[in-house]
């Protein structure tokens, strides 16, 4: 593990530790054991259903209809996103898993991943901006989060649909990647690989029909609402109530914070921001912190464990393939 990686993971660890100490470990423990575990289990299955929705969406984009394989590929990709800054590793690893399990090209996998991220962040941005104007308490945070999501969505659109501008922007913004925990040699190889593959990605993206994009947009909305419902169930498990529209806004804001923080899978930043927003809704800090931690257990840590297991069982060579793909400049 590089020095940058150690620093990044240390920040996440310190944020989580600080939150636990602020709430009080014993208070946190007592609150969690009193929760309604039936609702927590239901929340866990709700999150699995959200992954199934994303698996169906992946199948539409890649035109692969094996739901089991698609579920495995998406779970491996989500696991990779959980352990990389801003979840940036999610799309490349999903593409590599798709290449290994779905037998698709890397460029098709990257195209599908970028289209998924495009609709995910687009939905988040639009909802936050619209709702932000009707909720004075969260207006500033919601609108800022919405604008950031729209900005990232616009950049993804360029990379996925316009090779010329995408290449130009990548050249300009490549230096930003130097702040991430990546070795210089890998960054240099990644630069060349990115320039060579952007055009292939755009070619694959332009093959997607309008009807398929429409279906993807509907599934993106449904997957987000399903994940928001998961958080809603976790809140109910601690005998607290927040109106579902407010839960949607809270959930989307927290996810934007997780991406912008550049911490692996938003570790630390999501727990802290979730707790802070729940306290804003008059929920006691011990319960707010418990909700934040348990929501991450039934989502983030569940996917991390499943993704690791799937990687070992179904794609044991994926880490070697990842390293090989990044460090070599072979074309498909």
Protein backbone atom coordinates (compact mmCIF):
# COMPACT_ATOMS: atom_id res chain seq x y z
CA UNK A 1 0.00 0.00 0.00
CA UNK A 2 1.38 3.39 -1.00
CA UNK A 3 1.95 6.30 1.41
CA UNK A 4 -0.99 8.20 -0.13
CA UNK A 5 -3.27 5.19 0.43
CA UNK A 6 -2.22 4.94 4.06
CA UNK A 7 -2.97 8.65 4.57
CA UNK A 8 -6.39 8.41 2.89
CA UNK A 9 -7.48 5.34 4.89
CA UNK A 10 -6.10 6.91 8.08
CA UNK A 11 -8.32 9.96 7.57
CA UNK A 12 -11.37 7.69 7.15
CA UNK A 13 -10.44 5.74 10.28
CA UNK A 14 -9.90 8.91 12.32
CA UNK A 15 -13.26 10.36 11.23
CA UNK A 16 -15.10 7.19 12.24
CA UNK A 17 -13.16 6.92 15.53
CA UNK A 18 -13.86 10.59 16.33
CA UNK A 19 -17.57 10.07 15.72
CA UNK A 20 -17.65 7.01 17.98
CA UNK A 21 -15.81 8.87 20.76
CA UNK A 22 -18.08 11.92 20.36
CA UNK A 23 -21.21 9.80 20.74
CA UNK A 24 -19.73 7.47 23.33
CA UNK A 25 -18.99 3.78 22.57
CA UNK A 26 -21.28 2.49 25.33
CA UNK A 27 -24.17 4.76 24.27
CA UNK A 28 -23.74 3.56 20.71
CA UNK A 29 -23.75 -0.08 21.79
CA UNK A 30 -26.85 0.27 23.99
CA UNK A 31 -28.74 2.08 21.23
CA UNK A 32 -27.90 -0.53 18.58
CA UNK A 33 -28.93 -3.57 20.65
CA UNK A 34 -32.34 -1.94 21.34
CA UNK A 35 -33.05 -1.50 17.62
CA UNK A 36 -35.74 -3.42 15.75
CA UNK A 37 -33.58 -6.07 14.07
CA UNK A 38 -36.43 -7.33 11.89
CA UNK A 39 -36.48 -3.93 10.19
CA UNK A 40 -32.69 -3.93 9.91
CA UNK A 41 -32.77 -7.34 8.18
CA UNK A 42 -35.49 -6.02 5.87
CA UNK A 43 -33.27 -3.02 5.12
CA UNK A 44 -30.44 -5.41 4.20
CA UNK A 45 -32.66 -7.29 1.72
CA UNK A 46 -33.89 -3.97 0.37
CA UNK A 47 -30.30 -3.07 -0.43
CA UNK A 48 -29.79 -6.42 -2.17
CA UNK A 49 -32.88 -5.64 -4.24
CA UNK A 50 -31.29 -2.30 -5.20
CA UNK A 51 -28.22 -4.21 -6.45
CA UNK A 52 -30.52 -6.49 -8.47
CA UNK A 53 -32.04 -3.39 -10.11
CA UNK A 54 -28.54 -2.17 -10.97
CA UNK A 55 -27.74 -5.64 -12.34
CA UNK A 56 -30.76 -5.49 -14.66
CA UNK A 57 -29.62 -2.04 -15.78
CA UNK A 58 -26.13 -3.39 -16.48
CA UNK A 59 -27.68 -6.16 -18.56
CA UNK A 60 -29.63 -3.65 -20.65
CA UNK A 61 -26.49 -1.62 -21.37
CA UNK A 62 -24.25 -4.61 -22.14
CA UNK A 63 -27.03 -6.72 -23.70
CA UNK A 64 -26.17 -9.60 -21.38
CA UNK A 65 -29.26 -11.21 -19.84
CA UNK A 66 -27.74 -13.57 -17.26
CA UNK A 67 -28.95 -11.92 -14.05
CA UNK A 68 -26.72 -14.05 -11.81
CA UNK A 69 -23.56 -13.07 -13.69
CA UNK A 70 -24.67 -9.43 -13.87
CA UNK A 71 -25.29 -9.41 -10.10
CA UNK A 72 -21.81 -10.82 -9.48
CA UNK A 73 -20.19 -8.26 -11.79
CA UNK A 74 -22.05 -5.32 -10.24
CA UNK A 75 -21.26 -6.47 -6.69
CA UNK A 76 -17.55 -6.77 -7.51
CA UNK A 77 -17.66 -3.28 -9.03
CA UNK A 78 -19.46 -1.81 -6.01
CA UNK A 79 -16.87 -3.46 -3.75
CA UNK A 80 -14.09 -1.82 -5.78
CA UNK A 81 -15.84 1.53 -5.48
CA UNK A 82 -16.02 1.05 -1.72
CA UNK A 83 -12.24 0.83 -1.39
CA UNK A 84 -11.19 3.56 -3.84
CA UNK A 85 -11.29 7.37 -3.49
CA UNK A 86 -14.57 8.93 -4.73
CA UNK A 87 -15.54 5.38 -5.77
CA UNK A 88 -13.46 6.01 -8.88
CA UNK A 89 -12.34 2.39 -9.09
CA UNK A 90 -15.90 1.15 -9.47
CA UNK A 91 -16.27 1.59 -13.23
CA UNK A 92 -12.85 0.19 -14.30
CA UNK A 93 -13.13 -2.86 -12.03
CA UNK A 94 -16.75 -3.46 -13.11
CA UNK A 95 -15.54 -3.33 -16.72
CA UNK A 96 -12.76 -5.82 -15.97
CA UNK A 97 -15.18 -8.09 -14.09
CA UNK A 98 -17.54 -7.82 -17.05
CA UNK A 99 -14.72 -8.76 -19.38
CA UNK A 100 -13.91 -11.79 -17.21
CA UNK A 101 -17.47 -12.94 -16.37
CA UNK A 102 -19.79 -11.46 -19.04
CA UNK A 103 -17.21 -11.94 -21.81
CA UNK A 104 -17.57 -8.33 -23.03
CA UNK A 105 -14.87 -5.88 -24.12
CA UNK A 106 -13.34 -3.52 -21.58
CA UNK A 107 -14.49 -0.51 -23.61
CA UNK A 108 -18.11 -1.74 -23.57
CA UNK A 109 -17.87 -2.25 -19.80
CA UNK A 110 -16.46 1.25 -19.30
CA UNK A 111 -19.15 2.71 -21.57
CA UNK A 112 -21.89 0.98 -19.54
CA UNK A 113 -20.31 2.13 -16.27
CA UNK A 114 -20.08 5.76 -17.38
CA UNK A 115 -23.68 5.74 -18.64
CA UNK A 116 -24.77 4.33 -15.27
CA UNK A 117 -22.83 7.01 -13.40
CA UNK A 118 -24.24 9.66 -15.77
CA UNK A 119 -27.85 8.77 -14.92
CA UNK A 120 -27.14 8.17 -11.22
CA UNK A 121 -25.60 11.60 -10.69
CA UNK A 122 -28.05 13.28 -13.07
CA UNK A 123 -30.99 11.99 -11.03
CA UNK A 124 -29.29 13.10 -7.79
CA UNK A 125 -28.57 16.59 -9.13
CA UNK A 126 -32.06 17.25 -10.48
CA UNK A 127 -33.83 16.01 -7.33
CA UNK A 128 -31.58 17.99 -4.98
CA UNK A 129 -31.97 21.24 -6.89
CA UNK A 130 -35.78 20.90 -7.20
CA UNK A 131 -36.31 19.86 -3.59
CA UNK A 132 -33.73 22.32 -2.27
CA UNK A 133 -35.95 25.28 -3.11
CA UNK A 134 -38.85 23.84 -1.08
CA UNK A 135 -36.86 22.98 2.06
CA UNK A 136 -35.39 26.07 3.76
CA UNK A 137 -33.53 24.03 6.38
CA UNK A 138 -31.53 22.13 3.74
CA UNK A 139 -31.74 24.59 0.85
CA UNK A 140 -28.08 25.67 0.72
CA UNK A 141 -26.62 22.19 1.16
CA UNK A 142 -29.11 20.60 -1.27
CA UNK A 143 -28.54 23.15 -4.04
CA UNK A 144 -24.74 23.02 -3.71
CA UNK A 145 -24.87 19.22 -3.76
CA UNK A 146 -27.18 19.30 -6.75
CA UNK A 147 -24.94 21.65 -8.70
CA UNK A 148 -21.87 19.50 -7.99
CA UNK A 149 -23.75 16.42 -9.21
CA UNK A 150 -24.82 18.21 -12.40
CA UNK A 151 -21.23 19.35 -13.00
CA UNK A 152 -19.88 15.81 -12.66
CA UNK A 153 -22.75 14.54 -14.85
CA UNK A 154 -21.77 17.02 -17.57
CA UNK A 155 -18.14 15.85 -17.45
CA UNK A 156 -19.24 12.21 -17.72
CA UNK A 157 -21.42 13.10 -20.71
CA UNK A 158 -18.39 14.57 -22.47
CA UNK A 159 -16.22 11.51 -21.80
CA UNK A 160 -18.95 9.04 -22.79
CA UNK A 161 -20.37 10.79 -25.85
CA UNK A 162 -17.71 13.16 -27.27
CA UNK A 163 -14.22 11.74 -27.88
CA UNK A 164 -12.58 15.00 -29.01
CA UNK A 165 -13.67 17.15 -26.06
CA UNK A 166 -13.29 14.21 -23.67
CA UNK A 167 -9.65 13.75 -24.68
CA UNK A 168 -8.97 17.48 -24.37
CA UNK A 169 -10.49 17.62 -20.87
CA UNK A 170 -8.64 14.53 -19.75
CA UNK A 171 -5.34 16.11 -20.78
CA UNK A 172 -6.20 19.24 -18.79
CA UNK A 173 -7.43 17.47 -15.66
CA UNK A 174 -4.94 14.60 -15.53
CA UNK A 175 -2.85 16.43 -12.93
CA UNK A 176 -5.77 16.25 -10.47
CA UNK A 177 -5.28 12.48 -10.33
CA UNK A 178 -1.84 13.05 -8.80
CA UNK A 179 -3.56 13.92 -5.53
CA UNK A 180 -5.07 10.42 -5.38
CA UNK A 181 -3.18 7.50 -3.80
CA UNK A 182 -1.74 6.20 -7.09
CA UNK A 183 1.89 5.59 -7.99
CA UNK A 184 3.43 7.89 -10.61
CA UNK A 185 4.21 4.99 -12.93
CA UNK A 186 0.59 3.85 -12.83
CA UNK A 187 -0.59 7.42 -13.46
CA UNK A 188 1.63 7.69 -16.55
CA UNK A 189 0.36 4.38 -17.91
CA UNK A 190 -3.22 5.35 -17.05
CA UNK A 191 -2.80 8.58 -19.04
CA UNK A 192 -1.82 6.75 -22.20
CA UNK A 193 -4.45 4.06 -21.67
CA UNK A 194 -7.19 6.66 -21.12
CA UNK A 195 -6.36 8.59 -24.28
CA UNK A 196 -6.33 5.35 -26.28
CA UNK A 197 -9.64 4.07 -24.90
CA UNK A 198 -11.81 7.24 -24.79
CA UNK A 199 -12.63 6.93 -28.49
CA UNK A 200 -13.56 3.25 -28.05
CA UNK A 201 -15.81 4.10 -25.12
CA UNK A 202 -17.59 6.82 -27.12
CA UNK A 203 -18.09 4.38 -30.03
CA UNK A 204 -19.75 1.87 -27.69
CA UNK A 205 -21.90 4.53 -25.99
CA UNK A 206 -23.27 5.82 -29.29
CA UNK A 207 -24.53 2.31 -30.11
CA UNK A 208 -26.99 2.44 -27.19
CA UNK A 209 -30.52 3.10 -28.45
CA UNK A 210 -32.76 5.85 -27.07
CA UNK A 211 -35.19 3.22 -25.78
CA UNK A 212 -32.46 1.46 -23.80
CA UNK A 213 -31.32 4.81 -22.36
CA UNK A 214 -34.94 5.50 -21.34
CA UNK A 215 -35.11 2.16 -19.51
CA UNK A 216 -31.78 2.88 -17.84
CA UNK A 217 -33.05 6.26 -16.63
CA UNK A 218 -36.14 4.64 -15.06
CA UNK A 219 -34.07 1.95 -13.38
CA UNK A 220 -31.66 4.60 -12.06
CA UNK A 221 -34.54 6.44 -10.40
CA UNK A 222 -35.92 3.17 -9.01
CA UNK A 223 -32.55 2.08 -7.62
CA UNK A 224 -32.06 5.42 -5.84
CA UNK A 225 -35.57 5.32 -4.36
CA UNK A 226 -34.96 1.74 -3.21
CA UNK A 227 -31.77 2.78 -1.41
CA UNK A 228 -33.58 5.75 0.14
CA UNK A 229 -36.27 3.34 1.37
CA UNK A 230 -33.49 1.25 2.93
CA UNK A 231 -32.38 4.26 4.98
CA UNK A 232 -36.03 4.97 5.84
CA UNK A 233 -36.33 1.43 7.27
CA UNK A 234 -33.12 1.84 9.30
CA UNK A 235 -34.48 5.07 10.81
CA UNK A 236 -37.75 3.28 11.70
CA UNK A 237 -35.71 0.47 13.27
CA UNK A 238 -34.56 2.97 15.91
CA UNK A 239 -38.14 4.09 16.56
CA UNK A 240 -37.68 7.45 14.84
CA UNK A 241 -39.63 8.94 11.97
CA UNK A 242 -38.62 11.29 9.16
CA UNK A 243 -40.93 11.88 6.19
CA UNK A 244 -39.77 9.90 3.15
CA UNK A 245 -39.17 12.97 0.91
CA UNK A 246 -36.81 14.32 3.58
CA UNK A 247 -35.06 10.94 3.78
CA UNK A 248 -34.53 11.10 0.00
CA UNK A 249 -32.87 14.53 0.26
CA UNK A 250 -30.78 13.48 3.26
CA UNK A 251 -29.61 10.31 1.50
CA UNK A 252 -28.68 12.08 -1.73
CA UNK A 253 -26.79 14.88 0.05
CA UNK A 254 -24.79 12.34 2.05
CA UNK A 255 -23.85 10.44 -1.12
CA UNK A 256 -22.63 13.63 -2.81
CA UNK A 257 -20.51 14.35 0.28
CA UNK A 258 -19.08 10.83 0.03
CA UNK A 259 -18.03 11.39 -3.58
CA UNK A 260 -16.65 14.90 -3.09
CA UNK A 261 -14.69 13.91 0.03
CA UNK A 262 -12.49 11.61 -2.13
CA UNK A 263 -12.32 9.10 0.74
CA UNK A 264 -12.58 5.37 -0.12
CA UNK A 265 -16.29 4.65 -0.50
CA UNK A 266 -16.94 7.82 1.50
CA UNK A 267 -15.74 6.03 4.65
CA UNK A 268 -15.89 8.46 7.54
CA UNK A 269 -17.36 11.36 5.59
CA UNK A 270 -20.70 9.60 5.03
CA UNK A 271 -21.03 8.47 8.65
CA UNK A 272 -20.20 11.95 9.97
CA UNK A 273 -22.45 13.83 7.51
CA UNK A 274 -25.33 11.37 8.06
CA UNK A 275 -25.12 11.84 11.81
CA UNK A 276 -24.94 15.63 11.48
CA UNK A 277 -27.99 15.83 9.22
CA UNK A 278 -30.00 13.49 11.44
CA UNK A 279 -29.14 15.63 14.48
CA UNK A 280 -30.41 18.59 12.44
CA UNK A 281 -33.77 16.79 12.38
CA UNK A 282 -33.84 16.71 16.20
CA UNK A 283 -32.67 13.10 16.53
CA UNK A 284 -30.38 12.54 19.57
CA UNK A 285 -26.72 12.12 18.65
CA UNK A 286 -26.48 8.53 19.99
CA UNK A 287 -29.44 7.43 17.88
CA UNK A 288 -28.31 9.48 14.86
CA UNK A 289 -24.87 7.88 15.01
CA UNK A 290 -26.37 4.41 15.42
CA UNK A 291 -28.59 4.96 12.38
CA UNK A 292 -25.60 6.14 10.33
CA UNK A 293 -23.44 3.15 11.34
CA UNK A 294 -26.15 0.50 10.91
CA UNK A 295 -27.17 1.89 7.53
CA UNK A 296 -23.56 1.46 6.43
CA UNK A 297 -23.48 -2.10 7.84
CA UNK A 298 -26.54 -3.21 5.81
CA UNK A 299 -25.26 -1.50 2.66
CA UNK A 300 -21.56 -0.59 2.45
CA UNK A 301 -20.15 -3.45 4.53
CA UNK A 302 -22.60 -6.01 3.16
CA UNK A 303 -21.54 -5.18 -0.41
CA UNK A 304 -17.86 -5.08 0.59
CA UNK A 305 -18.02 -8.60 2.06
CA UNK A 306 -20.08 -9.99 -0.85
CA UNK A 307 -17.87 -8.28 -3.44
CA UNK A 308 -14.68 -9.61 -1.85
CA UNK A 309 -16.14 -13.13 -1.72
CA UNK A 310 -17.29 -12.95 -5.35
CA UNK A 311 -13.89 -11.61 -6.42
CA UNK A 312 -12.11 -14.52 -4.75
CA UNK A 313 -14.51 -17.22 -5.97
CA UNK A 314 -15.58 -16.08 -9.43
CA UNK A 315 -12.69 -13.87 -10.51
CA UNK A 316 -9.63 -14.81 -8.43
CA UNK A 317 -7.30 -13.33 -11.02
CA UNK A 318 -9.08 -10.00 -11.26
CA UNK A 319 -6.55 -8.13 -9.10
CA UNK A 320 -3.70 -9.42 -11.26
CA UNK A 321 -5.67 -8.56 -14.38
CA UNK A 322 -6.36 -5.08 -13.00
CA UNK A 323 -2.66 -4.46 -12.36
CA UNK A 324 -1.74 -5.90 -15.74
CA UNK A 325 -4.33 -3.80 -17.54
CA UNK A 326 -3.24 -0.56 -15.93
CA UNK A 327 0.49 -1.17 -16.23
CA UNK A 328 0.49 -2.36 -19.83
CA UNK A 329 -0.49 -0.47 -22.95
CA UNK A 330 -1.87 -3.34 -24.95
CA UNK A 331 -4.96 -2.64 -27.00
CA UNK A 332 -7.94 -4.96 -27.19
